[in-house]
Amino acid sequence: MTMPQTVEEQTRNCLKTIEKALTDAGFLLTDVVRNHYYVTDATFADVVFPILGETFGDIRPVATMVVCDLIRPEMLIEIEVTAFKG
């Protein structure tokens, strides 16, 4: 697997993967109720917030962003979502 180089590209790639996984499981992005964002640099917040807003802006899930190391040095962001169908 080749990792995209920029945090913007990685964010869009994560969101595309998440949307496919949700769809495959019978969910929609509108079913997302909680997001965890893990980034390797606090300055990435200003870069990824607009991208996240494009995807989740009207959905408004609860969200937490954590600055941390990730398992591989080329990884800049990891996104985890929780979806719920009531």
Protein backbone atom coordinates (compact mmCIF):
# COMPACT_ATOMS: atom_id res chain seq x y z
CA MET A 1 0.00 0.00 0.00
CA THR A 2 1.34 3.42 -0.95
CA MET A 3 0.55 6.17 1.52
CA PRO A 4 -0.39 9.57 0.06
CA GLN A 5 2.28 12.14 0.91
CA THR A 6 0.33 15.12 2.27
CA VAL A 7 -2.03 15.34 5.21
CA GLU A 8 -4.71 16.67 2.85
CA GLU A 9 -4.39 13.64 0.57
CA GLN A 10 -4.32 11.27 3.53
CA THR A 11 -7.42 12.91 5.02
CA ARG A 12 -9.37 12.54 1.78
CA ASN A 13 -8.15 8.95 1.43
CA CYS A 14 -9.27 8.11 5.00
CA LEU A 15 -12.69 9.65 4.40
CA LYS A 16 -13.12 7.75 1.13
CA THR A 17 -12.20 4.48 2.87
CA ILE A 18 -14.56 5.24 5.77
CA GLU A 19 -17.46 6.06 3.45
CA LYS A 20 -16.96 2.79 1.55
CA ALA A 21 -16.77 0.75 4.77
CA LEU A 22 -19.93 2.42 6.08
CA THR A 23 -21.78 1.82 2.81
CA ASP A 24 -20.66 -1.82 2.70
CA ALA A 25 -22.06 -2.25 6.22
CA GLY A 26 -25.39 -0.62 5.36
CA PHE A 27 -24.66 2.79 6.90
CA LEU A 28 -24.39 6.31 5.51
CA LEU A 29 -22.15 9.18 6.51
CA THR A 30 -25.26 10.72 8.08
CA ASP A 31 -25.24 7.82 10.57
CA VAL A 32 -21.87 8.92 11.98
CA VAL A 33 -22.26 10.16 15.56
CA ARG A 34 -18.64 10.33 16.79
CA ASN A 35 -15.23 10.93 15.21
CA HIS A 36 -11.73 10.55 16.58
CA TYR A 37 -8.95 12.24 14.63
CA TYR A 38 -5.34 11.35 15.36
CA VAL A 39 -2.73 13.69 13.83
CA THR A 40 1.03 13.81 14.18
CA ASP A 41 1.27 17.61 14.23
CA ALA A 42 -1.07 20.14 15.86
CA THR A 43 -0.69 22.47 12.88
CA PHE A 44 -2.54 19.92 10.75
CA ALA A 45 -5.79 20.90 12.47
CA ASP A 46 -6.12 24.08 10.42
CA VAL A 47 -5.36 22.11 7.25
CA VAL A 48 -7.81 19.24 7.77
CA PHE A 49 -10.75 21.08 9.40
CA PRO A 50 -12.01 22.45 6.05
CA ILE A 51 -11.80 18.96 4.49
CA LEU A 52 -13.65 17.43 7.43
CA GLY A 53 -16.23 20.21 7.16
CA GLU A 54 -16.86 19.29 3.52
CA THR A 55 -17.74 15.76 4.61
CA PHE A 56 -19.30 16.18 8.06
CA GLY A 57 -20.42 19.84 8.08
CA ASP A 58 -24.17 19.22 8.12
CA ILE A 59 -23.90 15.97 10.09
CA ARG A 60 -22.13 17.52 13.09
CA PRO A 61 -20.85 14.40 14.91
CA VAL A 62 -19.10 14.78 18.25
CA ALA A 63 -15.36 14.91 17.58
CA THR A 64 -12.01 14.72 19.33
CA MET A 65 -8.60 15.42 17.80
CA VAL A 66 -5.49 13.98 19.44
CA VAL A 67 -1.90 14.85 18.56
CA CYS A 68 0.24 11.71 18.76
CA ASP A 69 2.69 9.45 17.01
CA LEU A 70 1.22 6.92 14.58
CA ILE A 71 2.44 3.42 13.82
CA ARG A 72 4.42 4.42 10.70
CA PRO A 73 6.35 7.67 10.20
CA GLU A 74 4.67 8.35 6.85
CA MET A 75 1.23 8.30 8.50
CA LEU A 76 0.07 11.84 9.26
CA ILE A 77 -3.59 11.29 10.17
CA GLU A 78 -5.85 8.46 11.27
CA ILE A 79 -9.62 8.81 11.46
CA GLU A 80 -12.00 6.60 13.43
CA VAL A 81 -15.77 6.98 13.30
CA THR A 82 -18.69 5.51 15.18
CA ALA A 83 -21.97 5.15 13.33
CA PHE A 84 -25.41 4.47 14.82
CA LYS A 85 -28.73 3.61 13.24
CA GLY A 86 -31.59 4.33 15.60
